[in-house]
Amino acid sequence: MALVKFVNHDGVVREVDAASGSSLMQVALDNSIDEIVAECGGACSCATCHCYVDDAWVSKLPPADPIETSMLDCVLEQKDNSRLSCQIIVSDDLDGLTVHLPAAQY
């Protein structure tokens, strides 16, 4: 288990427990994080699970693969720390992971 902090665009923080092996997207859906829409269900084909990984955590994640990078080109307000939550797999090493959520744009 890992504690994950979701910070919405208004600065409201929701802390949730996440099972290791789950995608960050699924954790968000299971905990009613409304900013994660996940229209494609985690197939890395829609970018509606876009999030910003807190700068303190960026280097602790594997880099985005070419498919994810291509999908990130479709998001509004892309930043250097933009990721698709469907491509981040929770592990015990990510205990305390903080992600920032863009305002709903879908």
PDB file of N, CA and C in Angstrom:
ATOM      1  N   MET A   1       0.837  -1.183   0.000  1.00  0.00           N
ATOM      2  CA  MET A   1       0.000   0.000   0.000  1.00  0.00           C
ATOM      3  C   MET A   1       0.879   1.242   0.000  1.00  0.00           C
ATOM      4  N   ALA A   2       0.366   2.249  -0.647  1.00  0.00           N
ATOM      5  CA  ALA A   2       1.043   3.540  -0.680  1.00  0.00           C
ATOM      6  C   ALA A   2      -0.003   4.626  -0.473  1.00  0.00           C
ATOM      7  N   LEU A   3       0.385   5.661   0.207  1.00  0.00           N
ATOM      8  CA  LEU A   3      -0.468   6.830   0.347  1.00  0.00           C
ATOM      9  C   LEU A   3      -0.224   7.722  -0.858  1.00  0.00           C
ATOM     10  N   VAL A   4      -1.293   8.127  -1.535  1.00  0.00           N
ATOM     11  CA  VAL A   4      -1.184   9.021  -2.683  1.00  0.00           C
ATOM     12  C   VAL A   4      -1.982  10.277  -2.373  1.00  0.00           C
ATOM     13  N   LYS A   5      -1.388  11.420  -2.699  1.00  0.00           N
ATOM     14  CA  LYS A   5      -2.041  12.709  -2.474  1.00  0.00           C
ATOM     15  C   LYS A   5      -2.431  13.302  -3.825  1.00  0.00           C
ATOM     16  N   PHE A   6      -3.715  13.535  -4.012  1.00  0.00           N
ATOM     17  CA  PHE A   6      -4.239  14.182  -5.210  1.00  0.00           C
ATOM     18  C   PHE A   6      -4.560  15.623  -4.832  1.00  0.00           C
ATOM     19  N   VAL A   7      -3.961  16.565  -5.542  1.00  0.00           N
ATOM     20  CA  VAL A   7      -4.180  17.983  -5.272  1.00  0.00           C
ATOM     21  C   VAL A   7      -4.941  18.566  -6.450  1.00  0.00           C
ATOM     22  N   ASN A   8      -6.175  19.034  -6.203  1.00  0.00           N
ATOM     23  CA  ASN A   8      -6.941  19.576  -7.322  1.00  0.00           C
ATOM     24  C   ASN A   8      -6.495  20.995  -7.655  1.00  0.00           C
ATOM     25  N   HIS A   9      -7.048  21.563  -8.723  1.00  0.00           N
ATOM     26  CA  HIS A   9      -6.618  22.870  -9.210  1.00  0.00           C
ATOM     27  C   HIS A   9      -6.890  23.996  -8.216  1.00  0.00           C
ATOM     28  N   ASP A  10      -7.754  23.754  -7.232  1.00  0.00           N
ATOM     29  CA  ASP A  10      -8.030  24.742  -6.186  1.00  0.00           C
ATOM     30  C   ASP A  10      -7.146  24.545  -4.960  1.00  0.00           C
ATOM     31  N   GLY A  11      -6.256  23.548  -5.004  1.00  0.00           N
ATOM     32  CA  GLY A  11      -5.348  23.292  -3.889  1.00  0.00           C
ATOM     33  C   GLY A  11      -5.888  22.346  -2.836  1.00  0.00           C
ATOM     34  N   VAL A  12      -7.074  21.794  -3.043  1.00  0.00           N
ATOM     35  CA  VAL A  12      -7.658  20.842  -2.098  1.00  0.00           C
ATOM     36  C   VAL A  12      -6.932  19.504  -2.249  1.00  0.00           C
ATOM     37  N   VAL A  13      -6.468  18.967  -1.122  1.00  0.00           N
ATOM     38  CA  VAL A  13      -5.712  17.714  -1.117  1.00  0.00           C
ATOM     39  C   VAL A  13      -6.603  16.576  -0.634  1.00  0.00           C
ATOM     40  N   ARG A  14      -6.589  15.481  -1.400  1.00  0.00           N
ATOM     41  CA  ARG A  14      -7.254  14.243  -0.970  1.00  0.00           C
ATOM     42  C   ARG A  14      -6.196  13.167  -0.868  1.00  0.00           C
ATOM     43  N   GLU A  15      -6.074  12.581   0.297  1.00  0.00           N
ATOM     44  CA  GLU A  15      -5.127  11.496   0.523  1.00  0.00           C
ATOM     45  C   GLU A  15      -5.881  10.176   0.475  1.00  0.00           C
ATOM     46  N   VAL A  16      -5.363   9.246  -0.315  1.00  0.00           N
ATOM     47  CA  VAL A  16      -6.011   7.938  -0.448  1.00  0.00           C
ATOM     48  C   VAL A  16      -4.964   6.838  -0.354  1.00  0.00           C
ATOM     49  N   ASP A  17      -5.399   5.676   0.108  1.00  0.00           N
ATOM     50  CA  ASP A  17      -4.536   4.499   0.113  1.00  0.00           C
ATOM     51  C   ASP A  17      -4.645   3.822  -1.235  1.00  0.00           C
ATOM     52  N   ALA A  18      -3.504   3.442  -1.780  1.00  0.00           N
ATOM     53  CA  ALA A  18      -3.461   2.823  -3.099  1.00  0.00           C
ATOM     54  C   ALA A  18      -2.769   1.468  -3.010  1.00  0.00           C
ATOM     55  N   ALA A  19      -3.395   0.460  -3.563  1.00  0.00           N
ATOM     56  CA  ALA A  19      -2.814  -0.881  -3.581  1.00  0.00           C
ATOM     57  C   ALA A  19      -1.671  -0.946  -4.586  1.00  0.00           C
ATOM     58  N   SER A  20      -0.580  -1.546  -4.172  1.00  0.00           N
ATOM     59  CA  SER A  20       0.545  -1.748  -5.086  1.00  0.00           C
ATOM     60  C   SER A  20       0.081  -2.577  -6.271  1.00  0.00           C
ATOM     61  N   GLY A  21       0.541  -2.197  -7.454  1.00  0.00           N
ATOM     62  CA  GLY A  21       0.165  -2.888  -8.679  1.00  0.00           C
ATOM     63  C   GLY A  21      -0.986  -2.243  -9.413  1.00  0.00           C
ATOM     64  N   SER A  22      -1.687  -1.327  -8.750  1.00  0.00           N
ATOM     65  CA  SER A  22      -2.791  -0.608  -9.398  1.00  0.00           C
ATOM     66  C   SER A  22      -2.240   0.575 -10.180  1.00  0.00           C
ATOM     67  N   SER A  23      -2.941   0.940 -11.235  1.00  0.00           N
ATOM     68  CA  SER A  23      -2.547   2.167 -11.926  1.00  0.00           C
ATOM     69  C   SER A  23      -3.043   3.353 -11.107  1.00  0.00           C
ATOM     70  N   LEU A  24      -2.358   4.448 -11.214  1.00  0.00           N
ATOM     71  CA  LEU A  24      -2.775   5.666 -10.528  1.00  0.00           C
ATOM     72  C   LEU A  24      -4.161   6.088 -11.010  1.00  0.00           C
ATOM     73  N   MET A  25      -4.448   5.861 -12.276  1.00  0.00           N
ATOM     74  CA  MET A  25      -5.768   6.160 -12.830  1.00  0.00           C
ATOM     75  C   MET A  25      -6.854   5.375 -12.110  1.00  0.00           C
ATOM     76  N   GLN A  26      -6.633   4.075 -11.915  1.00  0.00           N
ATOM     77  CA  GLN A  26      -7.634   3.247 -11.251  1.00  0.00           C
ATOM     78  C   GLN A  26      -7.817   3.674  -9.800  1.00  0.00           C
ATOM     79  N   VAL A  27      -6.736   4.040  -9.149  1.00  0.00           N
ATOM     80  CA  VAL A  27      -6.816   4.546  -7.775  1.00  0.00           C
ATOM     81  C   VAL A  27      -7.701   5.791  -7.740  1.00  0.00           C
ATOM     82  N   ALA A  28      -7.500   6.691  -8.698  1.00  0.00           N
ATOM     83  CA  ALA A  28      -8.307   7.913  -8.762  1.00  0.00           C
ATOM     84  C   ALA A  28      -9.778   7.578  -8.987  1.00  0.00           C
ATOM     85  N   LEU A  29     -10.064   6.681  -9.919  1.00  0.00           N
ATOM     86  CA  LEU A  29     -11.454   6.304 -10.189  1.00  0.00           C
ATOM     87  C   LEU A  29     -12.098   5.653  -8.979  1.00  0.00           C
ATOM     88  N   ASP A  30     -11.359   4.769  -8.318  1.00  0.00           N
ATOM     89  CA  ASP A  30     -11.893   4.061  -7.153  1.00  0.00           C
ATOM     90  C   ASP A  30     -12.200   5.002  -5.993  1.00  0.00           C
ATOM     91  N   ASN A  31     -11.559   6.170  -6.002  1.00  0.00           N
ATOM     92  CA  ASN A  31     -11.725   7.133  -4.916  1.00  0.00           C
ATOM     93  C   ASN A  31     -12.458   8.396  -5.353  1.00  0.00           C
ATOM     94  N   SER A  32     -13.162   8.305  -6.475  1.00  0.00           N
ATOM     95  CA  SER A  32     -13.997   9.413  -6.979  1.00  0.00           C
ATOM     96  C   SER A  32     -13.232  10.730  -7.130  1.00  0.00           C
ATOM     97  N   ILE A  33     -12.041  10.634  -7.697  1.00  0.00           N
ATOM     98  CA  ILE A  33     -11.275  11.833  -8.029  1.00  0.00           C
ATOM     99  C   ILE A  33     -11.822  12.309  -9.374  1.00  0.00           C
ATOM    100  N   ASP A  34     -12.683  13.315  -9.331  1.00  0.00           N
ATOM    101  CA  ASP A  34     -13.454  13.723 -10.512  1.00  0.00           C
ATOM    102  C   ASP A  34     -12.606  14.254 -11.667  1.00  0.00           C
ATOM    103  N   GLU A  35     -11.435  14.780 -11.379  1.00  0.00           N
ATOM    104  CA  GLU A  35     -10.610  15.357 -12.448  1.00  0.00           C
ATOM    105  C   GLU A  35      -9.989  14.295 -13.349  1.00  0.00           C
ATOM    106  N   ILE A  36      -9.976  13.056 -12.914  1.00  0.00           N
ATOM    107  CA  ILE A  36      -9.488  11.947 -13.733  1.00  0.00           C
ATOM    108  C   ILE A  36     -10.707  11.287 -14.377  1.00  0.00           C
ATOM    109  N   VAL A  37     -10.876  11.521 -15.681  1.00  0.00           N
ATOM    110  CA  VAL A  37     -12.053  11.033 -16.399  1.00  0.00           C
ATOM    111  C   VAL A  37     -11.825   9.611 -16.917  1.00  0.00           C
ATOM    112  N   ALA A  38     -10.680   9.363 -17.515  1.00  0.00           N
ATOM    113  CA  ALA A  38     -10.292   8.021 -17.974  1.00  0.00           C
ATOM    114  C   ALA A  38     -11.284   7.422 -18.964  1.00  0.00           C
ATOM    115  N   GLU A  39     -11.592   8.150 -20.004  1.00  0.00           N
ATOM    116  CA  GLU A  39     -12.561   7.683 -21.001  1.00  0.00           C
ATOM    117  C   GLU A  39     -12.164   6.373 -21.669  1.00  0.00           C
ATOM    118  N   CYS A  40     -10.871   6.149 -21.868  1.00  0.00           N
ATOM    119  CA  CYS A  40     -10.450   4.931 -22.568  1.00  0.00           C
ATOM    120  C   CYS A  40     -10.229   3.765 -21.615  1.00  0.00           C
ATOM    121  N   GLY A  41     -10.401   3.988 -20.320  1.00  0.00           N
ATOM    122  CA  GLY A  41     -10.255   2.912 -19.355  1.00  0.00           C
ATOM    123  C   GLY A  41      -8.838   2.461 -19.097  1.00  0.00           C
ATOM    124  N   GLY A  42      -7.879   3.275 -19.463  1.00  0.00           N
ATOM    125  CA  GLY A  42      -6.489   2.935 -19.188  1.00  0.00           C
ATOM    126  C   GLY A  42      -5.722   2.391 -20.366  1.00  0.00           C
ATOM    127  N   ALA A  43      -6.241   2.562 -21.556  1.00  0.00           N
ATOM    128  CA  ALA A  43      -5.585   2.038 -22.760  1.00  0.00           C
ATOM    129  C   ALA A  43      -4.562   3.000 -23.364  1.00  0.00           C
ATOM    130  N   CYS A  44      -4.314   4.112 -22.690  1.00  0.00           N
ATOM    131  CA  CYS A  44      -3.347   5.110 -23.168  1.00  0.00           C
ATOM    132  C   CYS A  44      -3.733   5.624 -24.555  1.00  0.00           C
ATOM    133  N   SER A  45      -5.044   5.912 -24.701  1.00  0.00           N
ATOM    134  CA  SER A  45      -5.492   6.368 -26.018  1.00  0.00           C
ATOM    135  C   SER A  45      -6.411   7.583 -25.966  1.00  0.00           C
ATOM    136  N   CYS A  46      -6.480   8.272 -24.807  1.00  0.00           N
ATOM    137  CA  CYS A  46      -7.380   9.429 -24.771  1.00  0.00           C
ATOM    138  C   CYS A  46      -6.819  10.637 -24.024  1.00  0.00           C
ATOM    139  N   ALA A  47      -5.916  10.451 -23.120  1.00  0.00           N
ATOM    140  CA  ALA A  47      -5.289  11.516 -22.329  1.00  0.00           C
ATOM    141  C   ALA A  47      -6.238  12.198 -21.347  1.00  0.00           C
ATOM    142  N   THR A  48      -7.393  11.593 -21.053  1.00  0.00           N
ATOM    143  CA  THR A  48      -8.309  12.201 -20.084  1.00  0.00           C
ATOM    144  C   THR A  48      -7.955  11.824 -18.649  1.00  0.00           C
ATOM    145  N   CYS A  49      -6.810  11.212 -18.456  1.00  0.00           N
ATOM    146  CA  CYS A  49      -6.306  10.921 -17.108  1.00  0.00           C
ATOM    147  C   CYS A  49      -5.030  11.710 -16.834  1.00  0.00           C
ATOM    148  N   HIS A  50      -4.871  12.789 -17.565  1.00  0.00           N
ATOM    149  CA  HIS A  50      -3.692  13.647 -17.437  1.00  0.00           C
ATOM    150  C   HIS A  50      -3.548  14.176 -16.017  1.00  0.00           C
ATOM    151  N   CYS A  51      -2.314  14.202 -15.536  1.00  0.00           N
ATOM    152  CA  CYS A  51      -2.013  14.787 -14.230  1.00  0.00           C
ATOM    153  C   CYS A  51      -0.605  15.362 -14.283  1.00  0.00           C
ATOM    154  N   TYR A  52      -0.264  16.109 -13.243  1.00  0.00           N
ATOM    155  CA  TYR A  52       1.080  16.658 -13.098  1.00  0.00           C
ATOM    156  C   TYR A  52       1.720  15.996 -11.886  1.00  0.00           C
ATOM    157  N   VAL A  53       2.810  15.288 -12.097  1.00  0.00           N
ATOM    158  CA  VAL A  53       3.522  14.652 -10.996  1.00  0.00           C
ATOM    159  C   VAL A  53       4.309  15.730 -10.270  1.00  0.00           C
ATOM    160  N   ASP A  54       4.163  15.766  -8.948  1.00  0.00           N
ATOM    161  CA  ASP A  54       4.894  16.744  -8.155  1.00  0.00           C
ATOM    162  C   ASP A  54       6.388  16.632  -8.451  1.00  0.00           C
ATOM    163  N   ASP A  55       7.048  17.772  -8.537  1.00  0.00           N
ATOM    164  CA  ASP A  55       8.463  17.800  -8.913  1.00  0.00           C
ATOM    165  C   ASP A  55       9.330  16.888  -8.050  1.00  0.00           C
ATOM    166  N   ALA A  56       8.994  16.732  -6.782  1.00  0.00           N
ATOM    167  CA  ALA A  56       9.779  15.878  -5.889  1.00  0.00           C
ATOM    168  C   ALA A  56       9.698  14.405  -6.272  1.00  0.00           C
ATOM    169  N   TRP A  57       8.725  14.036  -7.094  1.00  0.00           N
ATOM    170  CA  TRP A  57       8.497  12.637  -7.442  1.00  0.00           C
ATOM    171  C   TRP A  57       8.834  12.284  -8.886  1.00  0.00           C
ATOM    172  N   VAL A  58       9.046  13.273  -9.724  1.00  0.00           N
ATOM    173  CA  VAL A  58       9.268  13.014 -11.158  1.00  0.00           C
ATOM    174  C   VAL A  58      10.410  12.023 -11.387  1.00  0.00           C
ATOM    175  N   SER A  59      11.523  12.213 -10.713  1.00  0.00           N
ATOM    176  CA  SER A  59      12.692  11.353 -10.945  1.00  0.00           C
ATOM    177  C   SER A  59      12.519   9.952 -10.362  1.00  0.00           C
ATOM    178  N   LYS A  60      11.501   9.744  -9.553  1.00  0.00           N
ATOM    179  CA  LYS A  60      11.277   8.437  -8.938  1.00  0.00           C
ATOM    180  C   LYS A  60      10.384   7.540  -9.799  1.00  0.00           C
ATOM    181  N   LEU A  61       9.893   8.090 -10.906  1.00  0.00           N
ATOM    182  CA  LEU A  61       9.049   7.320 -11.825  1.00  0.00           C
ATOM    183  C   LEU A  61       9.839   6.969 -13.076  1.00  0.00           C
ATOM    184  N   PRO A  62       9.507   5.844 -13.703  1.00  0.00           N
ATOM    185  CA  PRO A  62      10.119   5.569 -15.001  1.00  0.00           C
ATOM    186  C   PRO A  62       9.665   6.628 -16.000  1.00  0.00           C
ATOM    187  N   PRO A  63      10.495   6.949 -16.974  1.00  0.00           N
ATOM    188  CA  PRO A  63      10.086   7.953 -17.960  1.00  0.00           C
ATOM    189  C   PRO A  63       8.906   7.470 -18.801  1.00  0.00           C
ATOM    190  N   ALA A  64       8.182   8.422 -19.343  1.00  0.00           N
ATOM    191  CA  ALA A  64       7.061   8.096 -20.237  1.00  0.00           C
ATOM    192  C   ALA A  64       7.597   7.390 -21.472  1.00  0.00           C
ATOM    193  N   ASP A  65       6.882   6.364 -21.920  1.00  0.00           N
ATOM    194  CA  ASP A  65       7.290   5.682 -23.150  1.00  0.00           C
ATOM    195  C   ASP A  65       6.787   6.490 -24.352  1.00  0.00           C
ATOM    196  N   PRO A  66       7.199   6.123 -25.555  1.00  0.00           N
ATOM    197  CA  PRO A  66       6.823   6.912 -26.735  1.00  0.00           C
ATOM    198  C   PRO A  66       5.310   7.042 -26.955  1.00  0.00           C
ATOM    199  N   ILE A  67       4.541   6.026 -26.626  1.00  0.00           N
ATOM    200  CA  ILE A  67       3.088   6.109 -26.818  1.00  0.00           C
ATOM    201  C   ILE A  67       2.502   7.145 -25.857  1.00  0.00           C
ATOM    202  N   GLU A  68       2.910   7.084 -24.593  1.00  0.00           N
ATOM    203  CA  GLU A  68       2.423   8.072 -23.623  1.00  0.00           C
ATOM    204  C   GLU A  68       2.846   9.481 -24.033  1.00  0.00           C
ATOM    205  N   THR A  69       4.086   9.629 -24.442  1.00  0.00           N
ATOM    206  CA  THR A  69       4.585  10.939 -24.871  1.00  0.00           C
ATOM    207  C   THR A  69       3.753  11.481 -26.019  1.00  0.00           C
ATOM    208  N   SER A  70       3.398  10.615 -26.958  1.00  0.00           N
ATOM    209  CA  SER A  70       2.568  11.022 -28.089  1.00  0.00           C
ATOM    210  C   SER A  70       1.193  11.478 -27.620  1.00  0.00           C
ATOM    211  N   MET A  71       0.598  10.744 -26.689  1.00  0.00           N
ATOM    212  CA  MET A  71      -0.723  11.121 -26.166  1.00  0.00           C
ATOM    213  C   MET A  71      -0.662  12.425 -25.380  1.00  0.00           C
ATOM    214  N   LEU A  72       0.436  12.663 -24.687  1.00  0.00           N
ATOM    215  CA  LEU A  72       0.572  13.907 -23.921  1.00  0.00           C
ATOM    216  C   LEU A  72       0.580  15.132 -24.826  1.00  0.00           C
ATOM    217  N   ASP A  73       0.946  14.936 -26.086  1.00  0.00           N
ATOM    218  CA  ASP A  73       0.895  16.058 -27.041  1.00  0.00           C
ATOM    219  C   ASP A  73      -0.541  16.540 -27.264  1.00  0.00           C
ATOM    220  N   CYS A  74      -1.525  15.749 -26.859  1.00  0.00           N
ATOM    221  CA  CYS A  74      -2.937  16.091 -27.058  1.00  0.00           C
ATOM    222  C   CYS A  74      -3.544  16.865 -25.888  1.00  0.00           C
ATOM    223  N   VAL A  75      -2.844  16.954 -24.760  1.00  0.00           N
ATOM    224  CA  VAL A  75      -3.440  17.589 -23.585  1.00  0.00           C
ATOM    225  C   VAL A  75      -3.281  19.105 -23.643  1.00  0.00           C
ATOM    226  N   LEU A  76      -4.241  19.770 -23.012  1.00  0.00           N
ATOM    227  CA  LEU A  76      -4.135  21.211 -22.847  1.00  0.00           C
ATOM    228  C   LEU A  76      -3.197  21.487 -21.674  1.00  0.00           C
ATOM    229  N   GLU A  77      -2.445  22.541 -21.762  1.00  0.00           N
ATOM    230  CA  GLU A  77      -1.543  22.957 -20.688  1.00  0.00           C
ATOM    231  C   GLU A  77      -0.550  21.866 -20.293  1.00  0.00           C
ATOM    232  N   GLN A  78       0.095  21.279 -21.279  1.00  0.00           N
ATOM    233  CA  GLN A  78       1.131  20.288 -21.003  1.00  0.00           C
ATOM    234  C   GLN A  78       2.318  20.969 -20.335  1.00  0.00           C
ATOM    235  N   LYS A  79       2.915  20.282 -19.376  1.00  0.00           N
ATOM    236  CA  LYS A  79       4.101  20.764 -18.663  1.00  0.00           C
ATOM    237  C   LYS A  79       5.151  19.659 -18.665  1.00  0.00           C
ATOM    238  N   ASP A  80       6.353  20.009 -18.218  1.00  0.00           N
ATOM    239  CA  ASP A  80       7.423  19.020 -18.164  1.00  0.00           C
ATOM    240  C   ASP A  80       7.084  17.836 -17.260  1.00  0.00           C
ATOM    241  N   ASN A  81       6.235  18.052 -16.260  1.00  0.00           N
ATOM    242  CA  ASN A  81       5.882  16.984 -15.330  1.00  0.00           C
ATOM    243  C   ASN A  81       4.526  16.348 -15.642  1.00  0.00           C
ATOM    244  N   SER A  82       4.013  16.588 -16.843  1.00  0.00           N
ATOM    245  CA  SER A  82       2.754  15.974 -17.268  1.00  0.00           C
ATOM    246  C   SER A  82       2.941  14.474 -17.469  1.00  0.00           C
ATOM    247  N   ARG A  83       1.972  13.713 -16.978  1.00  0.00           N
ATOM    248  CA  ARG A  83       1.944  12.268 -17.189  1.00  0.00           C
ATOM    249  C   ARG A  83       0.504  11.827 -17.338  1.00  0.00           C
ATOM    250  N   LEU A  84       0.327  10.634 -17.875  1.00  0.00           N
ATOM    251  CA  LEU A  84      -0.990  10.003 -17.908  1.00  0.00           C
ATOM    252  C   LEU A  84      -1.045   9.046 -16.723  1.00  0.00           C
ATOM    253  N   SER A  85      -2.052   9.231 -15.884  1.00  0.00           N
ATOM    254  CA  SER A  85      -2.114   8.430 -14.658  1.00  0.00           C
ATOM    255  C   SER A  85      -2.328   6.946 -14.951  1.00  0.00           C
ATOM    256  N   CYS A  86      -2.830   6.615 -16.136  1.00  0.00           N
ATOM    257  CA  CYS A  86      -2.999   5.200 -16.485  1.00  0.00           C
ATOM    258  C   CYS A  86      -1.658   4.500 -16.682  1.00  0.00           C
ATOM    259  N   GLN A  87      -0.602   5.266 -16.851  1.00  0.00           N
ATOM    260  CA  GLN A  87       0.715   4.690 -17.115  1.00  0.00           C
ATOM    261  C   GLN A  87       1.611   4.669 -15.890  1.00  0.00           C
ATOM    262  N   ILE A  88       1.109   5.124 -14.760  1.00  0.00           N
ATOM    263  CA  ILE A  88       1.879   5.119 -13.516  1.00  0.00           C
ATOM    264  C   ILE A  88       1.347   3.984 -12.647  1.00  0.00           C
ATOM    265  N   ILE A  89       2.207   3.027 -12.369  1.00  0.00           N
ATOM    266  CA  ILE A  89       1.832   1.883 -11.545  1.00  0.00           C
ATOM    267  C   ILE A  89       2.315   2.130 -10.115  1.00  0.00           C
ATOM    268  N   VAL A  90       1.386   2.029  -9.189  1.00  0.00           N
ATOM    269  CA  VAL A  90       1.687   2.284  -7.783  1.00  0.00           C
ATOM    270  C   VAL A  90       2.525   1.142  -7.216  1.00  0.00           C
ATOM    271  N   SER A  91       3.513   1.522  -6.423  1.00  0.00           N
ATOM    272  CA  SER A  91       4.323   0.546  -5.681  1.00  0.00           C
ATOM    273  C   SER A  91       4.561   1.115  -4.288  1.00  0.00           C
ATOM    274  N   ASP A  92       5.055   0.276  -3.408  1.00  0.00           N
ATOM    275  CA  ASP A  92       5.354   0.740  -2.053  1.00  0.00           C
ATOM    276  C   ASP A  92       6.374   1.873  -2.075  1.00  0.00           C
ATOM    277  N   ASP A  93       7.247   1.892  -3.078  1.00  0.00           N
ATOM    278  CA  ASP A  93       8.251   2.955  -3.206  1.00  0.00           C
ATOM    279  C   ASP A  93       7.626   4.314  -3.480  1.00  0.00           C
ATOM    280  N   LEU A  94       6.373   4.335  -3.893  1.00  0.00           N
ATOM    281  CA  LEU A  94       5.704   5.598  -4.200  1.00  0.00           C
ATOM    282  C   LEU A  94       4.853   6.099  -3.033  1.00  0.00           C
ATOM    283  N   ASP A  95       5.080   5.567  -1.842  1.00  0.00           N
ATOM    284  CA  ASP A  95       4.344   6.015  -0.662  1.00  0.00           C
ATOM    285  C   ASP A  95       4.571   7.518  -0.460  1.00  0.00           C
ATOM    286  N   GLY A  96       3.493   8.281  -0.488  1.00  0.00           N
ATOM    287  CA  GLY A  96       3.576   9.735  -0.356  1.00  0.00           C
ATOM    288  C   GLY A  96       3.523  10.474  -1.683  1.00  0.00           C
ATOM    289  N   LEU A  97       3.400   9.734  -2.791  1.00  0.00           N
ATOM    290  CA  LEU A  97       3.334  10.346  -4.123  1.00  0.00           C
ATOM    291  C   LEU A  97       2.284  11.459  -4.147  1.00  0.00           C
ATOM    292  N   THR A  98       2.671  12.587  -4.700  1.00  0.00           N
ATOM    293  CA  THR A  98       1.763  13.715  -4.834  1.00  0.00           C
ATOM    294  C   THR A  98       1.585  14.041  -6.309  1.00  0.00           C
ATOM    295  N   VAL A  99       0.338  14.120  -6.728  1.00  0.00           N
ATOM    296  CA  VAL A  99       0.042  14.512  -8.102  1.00  0.00           C
ATOM    297  C   VAL A  99      -0.948  15.684  -8.076  1.00  0.00           C
ATOM    298  N   HIS A 100      -0.744  16.593  -9.004  1.00  0.00           N
ATOM    299  CA  HIS A 100      -1.608  17.763  -9.136  1.00  0.00           C
ATOM    300  C   HIS A 100      -2.521  17.540 -10.339  1.00  0.00           C
ATOM    301  N   LEU A 101      -3.747  17.965 -10.194  1.00  0.00           N
ATOM    302  CA  LEU A 101      -4.756  17.707 -11.209  1.00  0.00           C
ATOM    303  C   LEU A 101      -5.146  18.991 -11.914  1.00  0.00           C
ATOM    304  N   PRO A 102      -5.188  18.961 -13.237  1.00  0.00           N
ATOM    305  CA  PRO A 102      -5.641  20.147 -13.956  1.00  0.00           C
ATOM    306  C   PRO A 102      -7.140  20.320 -13.764  1.00  0.00           C
ATOM    307  N   ALA A 103      -7.594  21.536 -14.002  1.00  0.00           N
ATOM    308  CA  ALA A 103      -9.043  21.763 -13.987  1.00  0.00           C
ATOM    309  C   ALA A 103      -9.677  20.885 -15.058  1.00  0.00           C
ATOM    310  N   ALA A 104     -10.854  20.374 -14.801  1.00  0.00           N
ATOM    311  CA  ALA A 104     -11.537  19.529 -15.777  1.00  0.00           C
ATOM    312  C   ALA A 104     -11.642  20.276 -17.107  1.00  0.00           C
ATOM    313  N   GLN A 105     -11.152  19.637 -18.165  1.00  0.00           N
ATOM    314  CA  GLN A 105     -11.109  20.273 -19.474  1.00  0.00           C
ATOM    315  C   GLN A 105     -11.784  19.405 -20.517  1.00  0.00           C
ATOM    316  N   TYR A 106     -12.607  18.459 -20.100  1.00  0.00           N
ATOM    317  CA  TYR A 106     -13.157  17.499 -21.037  1.00  0.00           C
ATOM    318  C   TYR A 106     -14.641  17.671 -21.160  1.00  0.00           C
TER     319      TYR A 106
END
